[in-house]
N, C-alpha and C. Protein backbone atom coordinates (compact mmCIF):
# COMPACT_ATOMS: atom_id res chain seq x y z
N MET A 1 -49.66 52.99 -94.87
CA MET A 1 -48.30 52.61 -95.14
C MET A 1 -47.37 53.81 -95.09
N LEU A 2 -47.73 54.87 -95.81
CA LEU A 2 -46.87 56.05 -95.83
C LEU A 2 -46.74 56.64 -94.43
N GLU A 3 -47.83 56.61 -93.68
CA GLU A 3 -47.81 57.13 -92.31
C GLU A 3 -46.86 56.32 -91.44
N ILE A 4 -46.88 55.02 -91.61
CA ILE A 4 -45.97 54.15 -90.84
C ILE A 4 -44.53 54.53 -91.14
N LEU A 5 -44.20 54.70 -92.40
CA LEU A 5 -42.83 55.06 -92.79
C LEU A 5 -42.45 56.43 -92.25
N ARG A 6 -43.34 57.39 -92.38
CA ARG A 6 -43.06 58.74 -91.87
C ARG A 6 -42.85 58.71 -90.36
N ASP A 7 -43.72 58.00 -89.64
CA ASP A 7 -43.61 57.93 -88.18
C ASP A 7 -42.29 57.32 -87.73
N ARG A 8 -41.74 56.45 -88.55
CA ARG A 8 -40.46 55.82 -88.21
C ARG A 8 -39.27 56.60 -88.75
N GLY A 9 -39.54 57.72 -89.42
CA GLY A 9 -38.47 58.55 -89.95
C GLY A 9 -37.74 57.91 -91.13
N VAL A 10 -38.41 57.05 -91.84
CA VAL A 10 -37.81 56.35 -92.98
C VAL A 10 -37.94 57.22 -94.23
N GLU A 11 -36.82 57.41 -94.90
CA GLU A 11 -36.87 58.12 -96.18
C GLU A 11 -37.33 57.13 -97.25
N PHE A 12 -38.18 57.60 -98.14
CA PHE A 12 -38.72 56.71 -99.16
C PHE A 12 -39.10 57.50 -100.40
N ASP A 13 -39.21 56.77 -101.49
CA ASP A 13 -39.70 57.31 -102.75
C ASP A 13 -40.98 56.58 -103.10
N VAL A 14 -41.94 57.33 -103.59
CA VAL A 14 -43.19 56.74 -104.05
C VAL A 14 -43.12 56.67 -105.58
N VAL A 15 -43.38 55.50 -106.12
CA VAL A 15 -43.38 55.31 -107.56
C VAL A 15 -44.84 55.16 -108.00
N GLU A 16 -45.32 56.11 -108.74
CA GLU A 16 -46.69 56.06 -109.24
C GLU A 16 -46.68 55.33 -110.58
N TYR A 17 -46.66 54.01 -110.49
CA TYR A 17 -46.45 53.18 -111.67
C TYR A 17 -47.60 53.20 -112.66
N LEU A 18 -48.78 53.65 -112.25
CA LEU A 18 -49.87 53.77 -113.22
C LEU A 18 -49.71 55.03 -114.06
N LYS A 19 -49.08 56.05 -113.48
CA LYS A 19 -48.81 57.29 -114.24
C LYS A 19 -47.51 57.18 -115.03
N HIS A 20 -46.55 56.46 -114.46
CA HIS A 20 -45.23 56.29 -115.08
C HIS A 20 -44.94 54.78 -115.11
N PRO A 21 -45.38 54.11 -116.16
CA PRO A 21 -45.30 52.65 -116.21
C PRO A 21 -43.89 52.11 -115.97
N LEU A 22 -43.86 50.98 -115.29
CA LEU A 22 -42.60 50.29 -115.04
C LEU A 22 -42.14 49.59 -116.32
N THR A 23 -40.85 49.44 -116.44
CA THR A 23 -40.27 48.74 -117.58
C THR A 23 -40.17 47.24 -117.27
N ARG A 24 -39.86 46.47 -118.28
CA ARG A 24 -39.63 45.03 -118.07
C ARG A 24 -38.51 44.84 -117.04
N THR A 25 -37.46 45.63 -117.14
CA THR A 25 -36.34 45.52 -116.20
C THR A 25 -36.79 45.83 -114.78
N ASP A 26 -37.61 46.87 -114.61
CA ASP A 26 -38.13 47.22 -113.28
C ASP A 26 -38.91 46.04 -112.69
N LEU A 27 -39.80 45.48 -113.49
CA LEU A 27 -40.65 44.39 -113.01
C LEU A 27 -39.83 43.14 -112.71
N GLU A 28 -38.84 42.85 -113.54
CA GLU A 28 -37.98 41.69 -113.29
C GLU A 28 -37.21 41.88 -111.98
N ARG A 29 -36.77 43.09 -111.73
CA ARG A 29 -36.06 43.39 -110.47
C ARG A 29 -36.97 43.13 -109.28
N ILE A 30 -38.23 43.56 -109.37
CA ILE A 30 -39.17 43.35 -108.28
C ILE A 30 -39.40 41.85 -108.06
N VAL A 31 -39.66 41.12 -109.14
CA VAL A 31 -39.90 39.68 -109.02
C VAL A 31 -38.70 38.99 -108.38
N ASP A 32 -37.50 39.38 -108.78
CA ASP A 32 -36.28 38.78 -108.23
C ASP A 32 -36.06 39.14 -106.77
N ALA A 33 -36.56 40.30 -106.35
CA ALA A 33 -36.28 40.80 -105.00
C ALA A 33 -37.26 40.32 -103.94
N ILE A 34 -38.46 39.92 -104.33
CA ILE A 34 -39.43 39.48 -103.33
C ILE A 34 -39.18 38.02 -102.97
N PRO A 35 -39.43 37.64 -101.72
CA PRO A 35 -39.21 36.24 -101.32
C PRO A 35 -40.32 35.31 -101.78
N ASP A 36 -41.41 35.87 -102.25
CA ASP A 36 -42.58 35.09 -102.67
C ASP A 36 -42.41 34.56 -104.09
N GLU A 37 -43.28 33.63 -104.44
CA GLU A 37 -43.35 33.16 -105.82
C GLU A 37 -43.81 34.31 -106.71
N PRO A 38 -43.38 34.36 -107.97
CA PRO A 38 -43.77 35.46 -108.86
C PRO A 38 -45.28 35.70 -108.91
N ALA A 39 -46.07 34.65 -108.86
CA ALA A 39 -47.53 34.78 -108.96
C ALA A 39 -48.12 35.61 -107.83
N GLU A 40 -47.42 35.70 -106.69
CA GLU A 40 -47.92 36.48 -105.56
C GLU A 40 -47.94 37.97 -105.87
N LEU A 41 -47.24 38.38 -106.89
CA LEU A 41 -47.19 39.79 -107.28
C LEU A 41 -48.45 40.22 -108.03
N VAL A 42 -49.28 39.26 -108.40
CA VAL A 42 -50.48 39.55 -109.19
C VAL A 42 -51.71 39.56 -108.30
N ARG A 43 -52.48 40.65 -108.40
CA ARG A 43 -53.76 40.74 -107.69
C ARG A 43 -54.80 39.93 -108.45
N LYS A 44 -55.40 38.99 -107.77
CA LYS A 44 -56.44 38.16 -108.40
C LYS A 44 -57.79 38.66 -107.92
N ASP A 45 -58.10 39.87 -108.29
CA ASP A 45 -59.32 40.53 -107.84
C ASP A 45 -60.36 40.56 -108.96
N LYS A 46 -61.32 41.42 -108.80
CA LYS A 46 -62.41 41.53 -109.78
C LYS A 46 -61.88 41.80 -111.19
N ARG A 47 -60.91 42.71 -111.30
CA ARG A 47 -60.35 43.05 -112.61
C ARG A 47 -59.70 41.83 -113.26
N PHE A 48 -59.01 41.05 -112.48
CA PHE A 48 -58.38 39.82 -112.97
C PHE A 48 -59.44 38.92 -113.60
N GLY A 49 -60.56 38.78 -112.91
CA GLY A 49 -61.66 37.97 -113.43
C GLY A 49 -62.31 38.57 -114.66
N GLU A 50 -62.47 39.91 -114.65
CA GLU A 50 -63.07 40.58 -115.81
C GLU A 50 -62.25 40.37 -117.07
N LEU A 51 -60.95 40.26 -116.90
CA LEU A 51 -60.07 40.05 -118.04
C LEU A 51 -60.07 38.58 -118.51
N GLY A 52 -60.78 37.74 -117.77
CA GLY A 52 -60.86 36.33 -118.14
C GLY A 52 -59.55 35.58 -117.94
N LEU A 53 -58.75 36.04 -116.99
CA LEU A 53 -57.44 35.43 -116.77
C LEU A 53 -57.55 34.22 -115.87
N ASP A 54 -56.58 33.34 -115.99
CA ASP A 54 -56.49 32.13 -115.17
C ASP A 54 -55.19 32.21 -114.38
N ALA A 55 -55.29 32.10 -113.06
CA ALA A 55 -54.11 32.21 -112.20
C ALA A 55 -53.04 31.20 -112.59
N GLY A 56 -53.44 30.03 -113.06
CA GLY A 56 -52.48 29.01 -113.44
C GLY A 56 -51.62 29.38 -114.64
N ASP A 57 -52.06 30.37 -115.40
CA ASP A 57 -51.29 30.82 -116.56
C ASP A 57 -50.25 31.87 -116.22
N HIS A 58 -50.22 32.30 -114.97
CA HIS A 58 -49.34 33.41 -114.58
C HIS A 58 -48.55 33.04 -113.33
N THR A 59 -47.73 32.01 -113.46
CA THR A 59 -46.95 31.55 -112.32
C THR A 59 -45.45 31.77 -112.48
N THR A 60 -44.98 31.89 -113.70
CA THR A 60 -43.55 32.06 -113.92
C THR A 60 -43.18 33.55 -113.94
N LYS A 61 -41.91 33.80 -113.75
CA LYS A 61 -41.42 35.18 -113.78
C LYS A 61 -41.80 35.85 -115.09
N GLU A 62 -41.52 35.18 -116.20
CA GLU A 62 -41.79 35.77 -117.51
C GLU A 62 -43.28 36.05 -117.71
N ALA A 63 -44.13 35.11 -117.32
CA ALA A 63 -45.58 35.29 -117.49
C ALA A 63 -46.10 36.43 -116.62
N VAL A 64 -45.60 36.53 -115.40
CA VAL A 64 -46.03 37.61 -114.50
C VAL A 64 -45.57 38.96 -115.03
N VAL A 65 -44.34 39.05 -115.46
CA VAL A 65 -43.82 40.31 -116.00
C VAL A 65 -44.62 40.71 -117.24
N ASP A 66 -44.86 39.78 -118.14
CA ASP A 66 -45.65 40.08 -119.35
C ASP A 66 -47.04 40.59 -118.97
N LEU A 67 -47.68 39.92 -118.02
CA LEU A 67 -49.02 40.33 -117.60
C LEU A 67 -49.01 41.73 -117.01
N LEU A 68 -48.04 42.03 -116.14
CA LEU A 68 -48.01 43.33 -115.48
C LEU A 68 -47.59 44.45 -116.42
N LEU A 69 -46.86 44.13 -117.47
CA LEU A 69 -46.57 45.14 -118.48
C LEU A 69 -47.86 45.54 -119.20
N GLU A 70 -48.71 44.57 -119.45
CA GLU A 70 -49.97 44.83 -120.16
C GLU A 70 -51.06 45.36 -119.23
N HIS A 71 -51.05 44.91 -117.98
CA HIS A 71 -52.10 45.29 -117.01
C HIS A 71 -51.46 45.67 -115.68
N PRO A 72 -50.80 46.82 -115.61
CA PRO A 72 -50.10 47.20 -114.37
C PRO A 72 -51.03 47.34 -113.17
N GLU A 73 -52.31 47.56 -113.40
CA GLU A 73 -53.26 47.69 -112.29
C GLU A 73 -53.41 46.39 -111.50
N LEU A 74 -52.91 45.29 -112.03
CA LEU A 74 -53.00 44.01 -111.35
C LEU A 74 -51.84 43.75 -110.39
N MET A 75 -50.90 44.67 -110.29
CA MET A 75 -49.75 44.46 -109.41
C MET A 75 -50.14 44.65 -107.95
N GLN A 76 -49.74 43.70 -107.12
CA GLN A 76 -49.92 43.85 -105.68
C GLN A 76 -49.13 45.06 -105.21
N ARG A 77 -49.65 45.72 -104.21
CA ARG A 77 -48.98 46.88 -103.67
C ARG A 77 -49.42 47.07 -102.24
N PRO A 78 -48.68 47.78 -101.47
CA PRO A 78 -47.41 48.42 -101.80
C PRO A 78 -46.25 47.42 -101.76
N ILE A 79 -45.21 47.77 -102.46
CA ILE A 79 -43.97 46.99 -102.45
C ILE A 79 -42.90 47.90 -101.87
N VAL A 80 -42.20 47.39 -100.89
CA VAL A 80 -41.16 48.18 -100.24
C VAL A 80 -39.82 47.51 -100.50
N PHE A 81 -38.85 48.31 -100.90
CA PHE A 81 -37.47 47.85 -101.09
C PHE A 81 -36.63 48.30 -99.91
N LYS A 82 -35.72 47.43 -99.50
CA LYS A 82 -34.67 47.76 -98.53
C LYS A 82 -33.41 47.14 -99.10
N GLY A 83 -32.56 47.98 -99.66
CA GLY A 83 -31.40 47.46 -100.37
C GLY A 83 -31.85 46.70 -101.60
N ASP A 84 -31.38 45.47 -101.73
CA ASP A 84 -31.75 44.63 -102.87
C ASP A 84 -32.96 43.74 -102.59
N ASP A 85 -33.47 43.81 -101.37
CA ASP A 85 -34.62 42.98 -100.99
C ASP A 85 -35.90 43.78 -101.08
N ALA A 86 -37.00 43.10 -101.36
CA ALA A 86 -38.30 43.76 -101.44
C ALA A 86 -39.35 42.87 -100.80
N LEU A 87 -40.45 43.50 -100.41
CA LEU A 87 -41.55 42.78 -99.79
C LEU A 87 -42.86 43.40 -100.23
N ILE A 88 -43.83 42.54 -100.52
CA ILE A 88 -45.19 43.01 -100.75
C ILE A 88 -45.76 43.28 -99.37
N CYS A 89 -45.98 44.51 -99.03
CA CYS A 89 -46.39 44.90 -97.68
C CYS A 89 -47.90 45.02 -97.57
N ARG A 90 -48.54 43.90 -97.73
CA ARG A 90 -49.99 43.83 -97.59
C ARG A 90 -50.27 42.72 -96.60
N PRO A 91 -50.80 43.00 -95.44
CA PRO A 91 -51.23 44.30 -94.95
C PRO A 91 -50.05 45.21 -94.65
N SER A 92 -50.34 46.48 -94.54
CA SER A 92 -49.31 47.51 -94.42
C SER A 92 -48.38 47.31 -93.23
N ASP A 93 -48.85 46.72 -92.15
CA ASP A 93 -47.99 46.58 -90.98
C ASP A 93 -46.86 45.57 -91.19
N LYS A 94 -46.87 44.82 -92.30
CA LYS A 94 -45.76 43.93 -92.62
C LYS A 94 -44.46 44.70 -92.80
N VAL A 95 -44.59 45.99 -93.12
CA VAL A 95 -43.40 46.80 -93.34
C VAL A 95 -42.58 46.95 -92.06
N LEU A 96 -43.21 46.92 -90.90
CA LEU A 96 -42.49 47.11 -89.64
C LEU A 96 -41.44 46.03 -89.43
N ALA A 97 -41.81 44.78 -89.57
CA ALA A 97 -40.86 43.69 -89.41
C ALA A 97 -39.79 43.72 -90.49
N PHE A 98 -40.18 44.09 -91.69
CA PHE A 98 -39.24 44.14 -92.82
C PHE A 98 -38.16 45.18 -92.59
N LEU A 99 -38.52 46.32 -92.03
CA LEU A 99 -37.56 47.40 -91.85
C LEU A 99 -36.66 47.20 -90.64
N ASP A 100 -37.06 46.34 -89.72
CA ASP A 100 -36.23 46.10 -88.52
C ASP A 100 -35.05 45.22 -88.83
């Protein structure tokens, strides 16, 4: 992802949210900016299962934000912002269409 941005000469900031946790306001901004349903922001991987979570319990904006405040490692990434819009760029090449 970073290589794609560099190759296109795009200036960007990397937010290391596990080292510097996002605030409720930050997470609400992300949820509001992505075109997907809030639940798409949550990784439903092994860790999700280890925590005994149920995807059906994390579908609303408030529930997703609460979950990611407690378990930031479950956030889908990378997320790219362009102005007020954002996209979960997984797979990474989704960023190309988003930036055009």
